[in-house]
Amino acid sequence: EGLETAWGLAVYLETDQTKLLFDTGPDPGVLERNAEKLGIDLSKMDFIVISHPHGDHTGGLKLLSSMKPGLRVYMPPDQSLKNYVQSLGLEPIPVNSTVEVAKGIFVVKPLYGPPVEEALAVKTSKGLAILVGCSHPGVVNLVNQAVRDLGIKPYLVLGRFHMFGASLQDVKEVASRLVEMGAEKIYPIHCSGDILRNYLANSYRDKYGDGGVGLEIVIQR
């Protein structure tokens, strides 16, 4: 209740050892006010992961730069994004291959969409929790990259699946591929498209998760 919506994505992730943001949304003010209402201290972030260089995922970086100058920002290898992060006084760390950035937390090798985009994967007792930004390279490709590099099946996939306006056949194929890979929980948030949401809700009711700003998911690691 009382949270503000905005066109974009920002996911707060907390483990027993690490606090981070995966993307930062489009608006520093919205990010700050929502974090305050949720009781999240953004000055305590250990680092940030940016999925790709679009403003609805990077706008909140300005807020973090004022709160914690020099904060590490893991990002795909995009020169314009690197320049922007540096201009804010943050530390850009381009990622070229899958890397463990904290215990059990991995930035997944970027794939080209366009634009170039990376995902985030977290080891849990149930499998990988995989966060995607907009899935410009395809959500199946991003999840498959994580599974191939880490050798662990996906448990949860959350983010934008970039299927707004997609055909029902394409939606069916993506859903079935994710399930075949082992995904037990699928959260197509942001602007994933109603065709995908409706299909998952009707055909994979036990796996489909709905939600937007304020959605909280707890997984036993």
C-alpha atoms as a PDB file:
ATOM      1  CA  GLU A   1       0.000   0.000   0.000  1.00  0.00           C
ATOM      2  CA  GLY A   2       1.108   3.541  -0.761  1.00  0.00           C
ATOM      3  CA  LEU A   3       3.966   2.653  -3.113  1.00  0.00           C
ATOM      4  CA  GLU A   4       4.515   4.592  -6.349  1.00  0.00           C
ATOM      5  CA  THR A   5       4.566   2.975  -9.757  1.00  0.00           C
ATOM      6  CA  ALA A   6       6.837   3.925 -12.642  1.00  0.00           C
ATOM      7  CA  TRP A   7       7.655   2.488 -16.052  1.00  0.00           C
ATOM      8  CA  GLY A   8      10.804   0.518 -15.317  1.00  0.00           C
ATOM      9  CA  LEU A   9      12.377  -2.052 -13.057  1.00  0.00           C
ATOM     10  CA  ALA A  10      14.239  -2.041  -9.763  1.00  0.00           C
ATOM     11  CA  VAL A  11      14.667  -5.198  -7.683  1.00  0.00           C
ATOM     12  CA  TYR A  12      16.098  -5.171  -4.171  1.00  0.00           C
ATOM     13  CA  LEU A  13      17.881  -8.406  -3.308  1.00  0.00           C
ATOM     14  CA  GLU A  14      19.035  -9.343   0.170  1.00  0.00           C
ATOM     15  CA  THR A  15      20.820 -12.485   1.335  1.00  0.00           C
ATOM     16  CA  ASP A  16      22.314 -13.186   4.755  1.00  0.00           C
ATOM     17  CA  GLN A  17      25.539 -11.505   3.609  1.00  0.00           C
ATOM     18  CA  THR A  18      24.732  -9.173   0.709  1.00  0.00           C
ATOM     19  CA  LYS A  19      22.386  -6.328  -0.202  1.00  0.00           C
ATOM     20  CA  LEU A  20      22.123  -5.101  -3.781  1.00  0.00           C
ATOM     21  CA  LEU A  21      19.919  -3.542  -6.406  1.00  0.00           C
ATOM     22  CA  PHE A  22      19.290  -5.210  -9.733  1.00  0.00           C
ATOM     23  CA  ASP A  23      18.461  -2.221 -11.940  1.00  0.00           C
ATOM     24  CA  THR A  24      17.338   1.065 -10.416  1.00  0.00           C
ATOM     25  CA  GLY A  25      14.131   2.093 -12.169  1.00  0.00           C
ATOM     26  CA  PRO A  26      13.608   5.327 -14.130  1.00  0.00           C
ATOM     27  CA  ASP A  27      13.247   7.911 -11.380  1.00  0.00           C
ATOM     28  CA  PRO A  28      15.523   8.663  -8.396  1.00  0.00           C
ATOM     29  CA  GLY A  29      12.623  10.188  -6.449  1.00  0.00           C
ATOM     30  CA  VAL A  30      10.339   7.186  -6.872  1.00  0.00           C
ATOM     31  CA  LEU A  31      13.177   4.845  -5.906  1.00  0.00           C
ATOM     32  CA  GLU A  32      13.975   6.873  -2.788  1.00  0.00           C
ATOM     33  CA  ARG A  33      10.381   7.200  -1.603  1.00  0.00           C
ATOM     34  CA  ASN A  34       9.502   3.551  -2.207  1.00  0.00           C
ATOM     35  CA  ALA A  35      12.663   2.362  -0.475  1.00  0.00           C
ATOM     36  CA  GLU A  36      11.838   4.525   2.526  1.00  0.00           C
ATOM     37  CA  LYS A  37       8.288   3.153   2.728  1.00  0.00           C
ATOM     38  CA  LEU A  38       9.648  -0.396   2.518  1.00  0.00           C
ATOM     39  CA  GLY A  39      12.260   0.252   5.199  1.00  0.00           C
ATOM     40  CA  ILE A  40      15.187  -0.312   2.819  1.00  0.00           C
ATOM     41  CA  ASP A  41      18.343   1.693   3.500  1.00  0.00           C
ATOM     42  CA  LEU A  42      19.849   2.234   0.052  1.00  0.00           C
ATOM     43  CA  SER A  43      23.062   3.562   1.586  1.00  0.00           C
ATOM     44  CA  LYS A  44      23.740  -0.006   2.761  1.00  0.00           C
ATOM     45  CA  MET A  45      23.892  -1.464  -0.759  1.00  0.00           C
ATOM     46  CA  ASP A  46      27.038  -3.511  -1.388  1.00  0.00           C
ATOM     47  CA  PHE A  47      26.841  -3.013  -5.153  1.00  0.00           C
ATOM     48  CA  ILE A  48      24.455  -2.540  -8.070  1.00  0.00           C
ATOM     49  CA  VAL A  49      23.866  -4.726 -11.125  1.00  0.00           C
ATOM     50  CA  ILE A  50      22.513  -3.061 -14.267  1.00  0.00           C
ATOM     51  CA  SER A  51      20.960  -5.375 -16.833  1.00  0.00           C
ATOM     52  CA  HIS A  52      21.209  -3.098 -19.869  1.00  0.00           C
ATOM     53  CA  PRO A  53      21.665   0.586 -20.765  1.00  0.00           C
ATOM     54  CA  HIS A  54      18.066   1.817 -20.964  1.00  0.00           C
ATOM     55  CA  GLY A  55      16.863   4.757 -18.892  1.00  0.00           C
ATOM     56  CA  ASP A  56      13.956   2.913 -17.262  1.00  0.00           C
ATOM     57  CA  HIS A  57      16.575   0.669 -15.610  1.00  0.00           C
ATOM     58  CA  THR A  58      19.361   3.175 -14.923  1.00  0.00           C
ATOM     59  CA  GLY A  59      17.547   6.364 -13.818  1.00  0.00           C
ATOM     60  CA  GLY A  60      17.926   5.637 -10.115  1.00  0.00           C
ATOM     61  CA  LEU A  61      21.726   5.565 -10.332  1.00  0.00           C
ATOM     62  CA  LYS A  62      21.763   9.310  -9.613  1.00  0.00           C
ATOM     63  CA  LEU A  63      20.279   8.656  -6.188  1.00  0.00           C
ATOM     64  CA  LEU A  64      22.815   5.956  -5.343  1.00  0.00           C
ATOM     65  CA  SER A  65      25.693   8.186  -6.433  1.00  0.00           C
ATOM     66  CA  SER A  66      24.663  10.803  -3.887  1.00  0.00           C
ATOM     67  CA  MET A  67      24.202   8.234  -1.135  1.00  0.00           C
ATOM     68  CA  LYS A  68      27.286   6.115  -1.703  1.00  0.00           C
ATOM     69  CA  PRO A  69      29.930   7.597  -4.052  1.00  0.00           C
ATOM     70  CA  GLY A  70      32.264   5.000  -5.549  1.00  0.00           C
ATOM     71  CA  LEU A  71      29.706   2.197  -5.280  1.00  0.00           C
ATOM     72  CA  ARG A  72      30.468  -0.678  -7.669  1.00  0.00           C
ATOM     73  CA  VAL A  73      28.150  -1.049 -10.649  1.00  0.00           C
ATOM     74  CA  TYR A  74      28.343  -4.339 -12.544  1.00  0.00           C
ATOM     75  CA  MET A  75      27.176  -3.730 -16.082  1.00  0.00           C
ATOM     76  CA  PRO A  76      27.341  -5.150 -19.604  1.00  0.00           C
ATOM     77  CA  PRO A  77      30.186  -3.867 -21.811  1.00  0.00           C
ATOM     78  CA  ASP A  78      28.539  -0.718 -23.170  1.00  0.00           C
ATOM     79  CA  GLN A  79      30.771   2.334 -23.474  1.00  0.00           C
ATOM     80  CA  SER A  80      28.005   4.937 -23.181  1.00  0.00           C
ATOM     81  CA  LEU A  81      26.728   3.300 -19.990  1.00  0.00           C
ATOM     82  CA  LYS A  82      30.249   3.076 -18.614  1.00  0.00           C
ATOM     83  CA  ASN A  83      30.783   6.780 -19.281  1.00  0.00           C
ATOM     84  CA  TYR A  84      27.510   7.638 -17.595  1.00  0.00           C
ATOM     85  CA  VAL A  85      28.280   5.567 -14.498  1.00  0.00           C
ATOM     86  CA  GLN A  86      31.720   7.186 -14.242  1.00  0.00           C
ATOM     87  CA  SER A  87      30.214  10.661 -14.610  1.00  0.00           C
ATOM     88  CA  LEU A  88      28.101   9.968 -11.520  1.00  0.00           C
ATOM     89  CA  GLY A  89      31.143   9.112  -9.442  1.00  0.00           C
ATOM     90  CA  LEU A  90      30.313   5.408  -9.305  1.00  0.00           C
ATOM     91  CA  GLU A  91      32.683   2.569 -10.239  1.00  0.00           C
ATOM     92  CA  PRO A  92      31.697   0.781 -13.462  1.00  0.00           C
ATOM     93  CA  ILE A  93      32.702  -2.880 -13.707  1.00  0.00           C
ATOM     94  CA  PRO A  94      32.012  -4.247 -17.204  1.00  0.00           C
ATOM     95  CA  VAL A  95      31.182  -7.959 -17.249  1.00  0.00           C
ATOM     96  CA  ASN A  96      32.197 -10.164 -20.169  1.00  0.00           C
ATOM     97  CA  SER A  97      31.670 -13.641 -18.731  1.00  0.00           C
ATOM     98  CA  THR A  98      29.702 -15.156 -15.858  1.00  0.00           C
ATOM     99  CA  VAL A  99      31.273 -14.111 -12.570  1.00  0.00           C
ATOM    100  CA  GLU A 100      30.534 -14.627  -8.877  1.00  0.00           C
ATOM    101  CA  VAL A 101      30.189 -11.144  -7.384  1.00  0.00           C
ATOM    102  CA  ALA A 102      29.257 -12.255  -3.841  1.00  0.00           C
ATOM    103  CA  LYS A 103      28.730 -15.605  -2.155  1.00  0.00           C
ATOM    104  CA  GLY A 104      26.222 -17.494  -4.276  1.00  0.00           C
ATOM    105  CA  ILE A 105      25.406 -14.454  -6.437  1.00  0.00           C
ATOM    106  CA  PHE A 106      26.451 -14.377 -10.085  1.00  0.00           C
ATOM    107  CA  VAL A 107      26.263 -11.847 -12.879  1.00  0.00           C
ATOM    108  CA  VAL A 108      25.566 -13.908 -15.990  1.00  0.00           C
ATOM    109  CA  LYS A 109      27.529 -13.485 -19.211  1.00  0.00           C
ATOM    110  CA  PRO A 110      25.934 -10.696 -21.297  1.00  0.00           C
ATOM    111  CA  LEU A 111      24.178 -11.571 -24.546  1.00  0.00           C
ATOM    112  CA  TYR A 112      23.433  -9.257 -27.440  1.00  0.00           C
ATOM    113  CA  GLY A 113      19.843  -8.251 -28.123  1.00  0.00           C
ATOM    114  CA  PRO A 114      20.337  -5.466 -29.095  1.00  0.00           C
ATOM    115  CA  PRO A 115      21.246  -3.983 -26.693  1.00  0.00           C
ATOM    116  CA  VAL A 116      23.749  -6.074 -24.803  1.00  0.00           C
ATOM    117  CA  GLU A 117      22.118  -7.411 -21.629  1.00  0.00           C
ATOM    118  CA  GLU A 118      23.067  -9.449 -18.571  1.00  0.00           C
ATOM    119  CA  ALA A 119      21.061 -11.356 -15.980  1.00  0.00           C
ATOM    120  CA  LEU A 120      21.600 -12.058 -12.288  1.00  0.00           C
ATOM    121  CA  ALA A 121      21.514 -15.562 -10.773  1.00  0.00           C
ATOM    122  CA  VAL A 122      21.388 -16.529  -7.104  1.00  0.00           C
ATOM    123  CA  LYS A 123      22.006 -20.036  -5.788  1.00  0.00           C
ATOM    124  CA  THR A 124      19.203 -21.277  -3.536  1.00  0.00           C
ATOM    125  CA  SER A 125      18.353 -24.656  -2.048  1.00  0.00           C
ATOM    126  CA  LYS A 126      15.721 -25.078  -4.775  1.00  0.00           C
ATOM    127  CA  GLY A 127      17.855 -24.041  -7.758  1.00  0.00           C
ATOM    128  CA  LEU A 128      18.760 -20.718  -9.348  1.00  0.00           C
ATOM    129  CA  ALA A 129      16.707 -17.582  -8.796  1.00  0.00           C
ATOM    130  CA  ILE A 130      17.286 -15.698 -12.048  1.00  0.00           C
ATOM    131  CA  LEU A 131      16.501 -12.000 -12.495  1.00  0.00           C
ATOM    132  CA  VAL A 132      16.215 -10.517 -15.980  1.00  0.00           C
ATOM    133  CA  GLY A 133      15.854  -6.881 -16.968  1.00  0.00           C
ATOM    134  CA  CYS A 134      14.018  -6.739 -20.301  1.00  0.00           C
ATOM    135  CA  SER A 135      15.197  -9.964 -21.970  1.00  0.00           C
ATOM    136  CA  HIS A 136      16.102  -8.273 -25.239  1.00  0.00           C
ATOM    137  CA  PRO A 137      18.293 -11.284 -26.169  1.00  0.00           C
ATOM    138  CA  GLY A 138      15.374 -13.583 -25.222  1.00  0.00           C
ATOM    139  CA  VAL A 139      14.520 -14.782 -21.730  1.00  0.00           C
ATOM    140  CA  VAL A 140      15.128 -18.420 -22.696  1.00  0.00           C
ATOM    141  CA  ASN A 141      18.625 -17.536 -23.943  1.00  0.00           C
ATOM    142  CA  LEU A 142      19.465 -15.629 -20.756  1.00  0.00           C
ATOM    143  CA  VAL A 143      18.233 -18.433 -18.505  1.00  0.00           C
ATOM    144  CA  ASN A 144      19.983 -21.047 -20.612  1.00  0.00           C
ATOM    145  CA  GLN A 145      23.256 -19.091 -20.325  1.00  0.00           C
ATOM    146  CA  ALA A 146      22.987 -19.119 -16.534  1.00  0.00           C
ATOM    147  CA  VAL A 147      22.169 -22.817 -16.426  1.00  0.00           C
ATOM    148  CA  ARG A 148      24.988 -23.708 -18.802  1.00  0.00           C
ATOM    149  CA  ASP A 149      27.599 -21.662 -16.945  1.00  0.00           C
ATOM    150  CA  LEU A 150      26.579 -22.634 -13.416  1.00  0.00           C
ATOM    151  CA  GLY A 151      25.329 -26.177 -13.968  1.00  0.00           C
ATOM    152  CA  ILE A 152      22.223 -25.622 -11.842  1.00  0.00           C
ATOM    153  CA  LYS A 153      18.584 -25.716 -12.957  1.00  0.00           C
ATOM    154  CA  PRO A 154      16.443 -22.601 -12.624  1.00  0.00           C
ATOM    155  CA  TYR A 155      13.896 -22.462  -9.814  1.00  0.00           C
ATOM    156  CA  LEU A 156      12.548 -18.936 -10.272  1.00  0.00           C
ATOM    157  CA  VAL A 157      12.670 -16.542 -13.225  1.00  0.00           C
ATOM    158  CA  LEU A 158      11.571 -12.945 -12.614  1.00  0.00           C
ATOM    159  CA  GLY A 159      11.643  -9.819 -14.737  1.00  0.00           C
ATOM    160  CA  ARG A 160      10.487  -8.492 -18.062  1.00  0.00           C
ATOM    161  CA  PHE A 161      10.249 -11.149 -20.774  1.00  0.00           C
ATOM    162  CA  HIS A 162       9.964  -8.666 -23.687  1.00  0.00           C
ATOM    163  CA  MET A 163       6.910 -10.383 -25.187  1.00  0.00           C
ATOM    164  CA  PHE A 164       4.451  -7.499 -25.400  1.00  0.00           C
ATOM    165  CA  GLY A 165       2.520  -8.108 -28.624  1.00  0.00           C
ATOM    166  CA  ALA A 166       4.044 -11.551 -29.171  1.00  0.00           C
ATOM    167  CA  SER A 167       2.015 -14.276 -30.853  1.00  0.00           C
ATOM    168  CA  LEU A 168       0.366 -16.984 -28.781  1.00  0.00           C
ATOM    169  CA  GLN A 169       2.625 -19.553 -30.443  1.00  0.00           C
ATOM    170  CA  ASP A 170       5.755 -17.673 -29.374  1.00  0.00           C
ATOM    171  CA  VAL A 171       4.380 -17.333 -25.854  1.00  0.00           C
ATOM    172  CA  LYS A 172       3.657 -21.069 -25.665  1.00  0.00           C
ATOM    173  CA  GLU A 173       7.180 -21.890 -26.827  1.00  0.00           C
ATOM    174  CA  VAL A 174       8.867 -19.620 -24.268  1.00  0.00           C
ATOM    175  CA  ALA A 175       6.706 -20.918 -21.421  1.00  0.00           C
ATOM    176  CA  SER A 176       7.305 -24.558 -22.320  1.00  0.00           C
ATOM    177  CA  ARG A 177      11.059 -24.030 -22.670  1.00  0.00           C
ATOM    178  CA  LEU A 178      11.332 -22.415 -19.244  1.00  0.00           C
ATOM    179  CA  VAL A 179       9.337 -25.248 -17.683  1.00  0.00           C
ATOM    180  CA  GLU A 180      11.415 -27.875 -19.508  1.00  0.00           C
ATOM    181  CA  MET A 181      14.569 -26.306 -18.062  1.00  0.00           C
ATOM    182  CA  GLY A 182      13.110 -26.771 -14.579  1.00  0.00           C
ATOM    183  CA  ALA A 183      11.590 -23.386 -13.687  1.00  0.00           C
ATOM    184  CA  GLU A 184       9.014 -23.833 -10.924  1.00  0.00           C
ATOM    185  CA  LYS A 185       8.107 -20.169 -10.439  1.00  0.00           C
ATOM    186  CA  ILE A 186       7.762 -17.688 -13.310  1.00  0.00           C
ATOM    187  CA  TYR A 187       7.135 -13.981 -12.669  1.00  0.00           C
ATOM    188  CA  PRO A 188       6.699 -12.004 -15.931  1.00  0.00           C
ATOM    189  CA  ILE A 189       6.596  -8.503 -14.426  1.00  0.00           C
ATOM    190  CA  HIS A 190       7.163  -5.007 -15.902  1.00  0.00           C
ATOM    191  CA  CYS A 191       5.864  -4.971 -19.504  1.00  0.00           C
ATOM    192  CA  SER A 192       6.004  -8.673 -20.318  1.00  0.00           C
ATOM    193  CA  GLY A 193       2.611  -8.582 -22.029  1.00  0.00           C
ATOM    194  CA  ASP A 194      -0.885  -9.788 -21.123  1.00  0.00           C
ATOM    195  CA  ILE A 195      -0.823 -12.618 -23.649  1.00  0.00           C
ATOM    196  CA  LEU A 196       2.053 -14.241 -21.784  1.00  0.00           C
ATOM    197  CA  ARG A 197       0.540 -13.552 -18.365  1.00  0.00           C
ATOM    198  CA  ASN A 198      -2.848 -14.957 -19.322  1.00  0.00           C
ATOM    199  CA  TYR A 199      -1.348 -18.044 -20.898  1.00  0.00           C
ATOM    200  CA  LEU A 200       0.811 -18.811 -17.862  1.00  0.00           C
ATOM    201  CA  ALA A 201      -2.088 -18.144 -15.475  1.00  0.00           C
ATOM    202  CA  ASN A 202      -4.321 -20.575 -17.369  1.00  0.00           C
ATOM    203  CA  SER A 203      -1.839 -23.241 -18.472  1.00  0.00           C
ATOM    204  CA  TYR A 204       0.755 -23.193 -15.675  1.00  0.00           C
ATOM    205  CA  ARG A 205      -1.294 -22.012 -12.714  1.00  0.00           C
ATOM    206  CA  ASP A 206       1.043 -23.584 -10.151  1.00  0.00           C
ATOM    207  CA  LYS A 207       4.088 -21.903 -11.666  1.00  0.00           C
ATOM    208  CA  TYR A 208       2.765 -18.457 -12.554  1.00  0.00           C
ATOM    209  CA  GLY A 209       3.432 -15.531 -10.242  1.00  0.00           C
ATOM    210  CA  ASP A 210       1.894 -12.094 -10.658  1.00  0.00           C
ATOM    211  CA  GLY A 211       3.011  -8.839  -9.113  1.00  0.00           C
ATOM    212  CA  GLY A 212       4.464  -5.393  -9.463  1.00  0.00           C
ATOM    213  CA  VAL A 213       5.857  -2.749  -7.169  1.00  0.00           C
ATOM    214  CA  GLY A 214       5.946  -4.055  -3.588  1.00  0.00           C
ATOM    215  CA  LEU A 215       6.094  -7.734  -4.568  1.00  0.00           C
ATOM    216  CA  GLU A 216       8.158  -9.622  -1.988  1.00  0.00           C
ATOM    217  CA  ILE A 217       9.516 -13.145  -2.527  1.00  0.00           C
ATOM    218  CA  VAL A 218      11.373 -15.137   0.106  1.00  0.00           C
ATOM    219  CA  ILE A 219      13.398 -18.215  -0.893  1.00  0.00           C
ATOM    220  CA  GLN A 220      15.323 -20.464   1.471  1.00  0.00           C
ATOM    221  CA  ARG A 221      18.939 -20.452   0.301  1.00  0.00           C
END
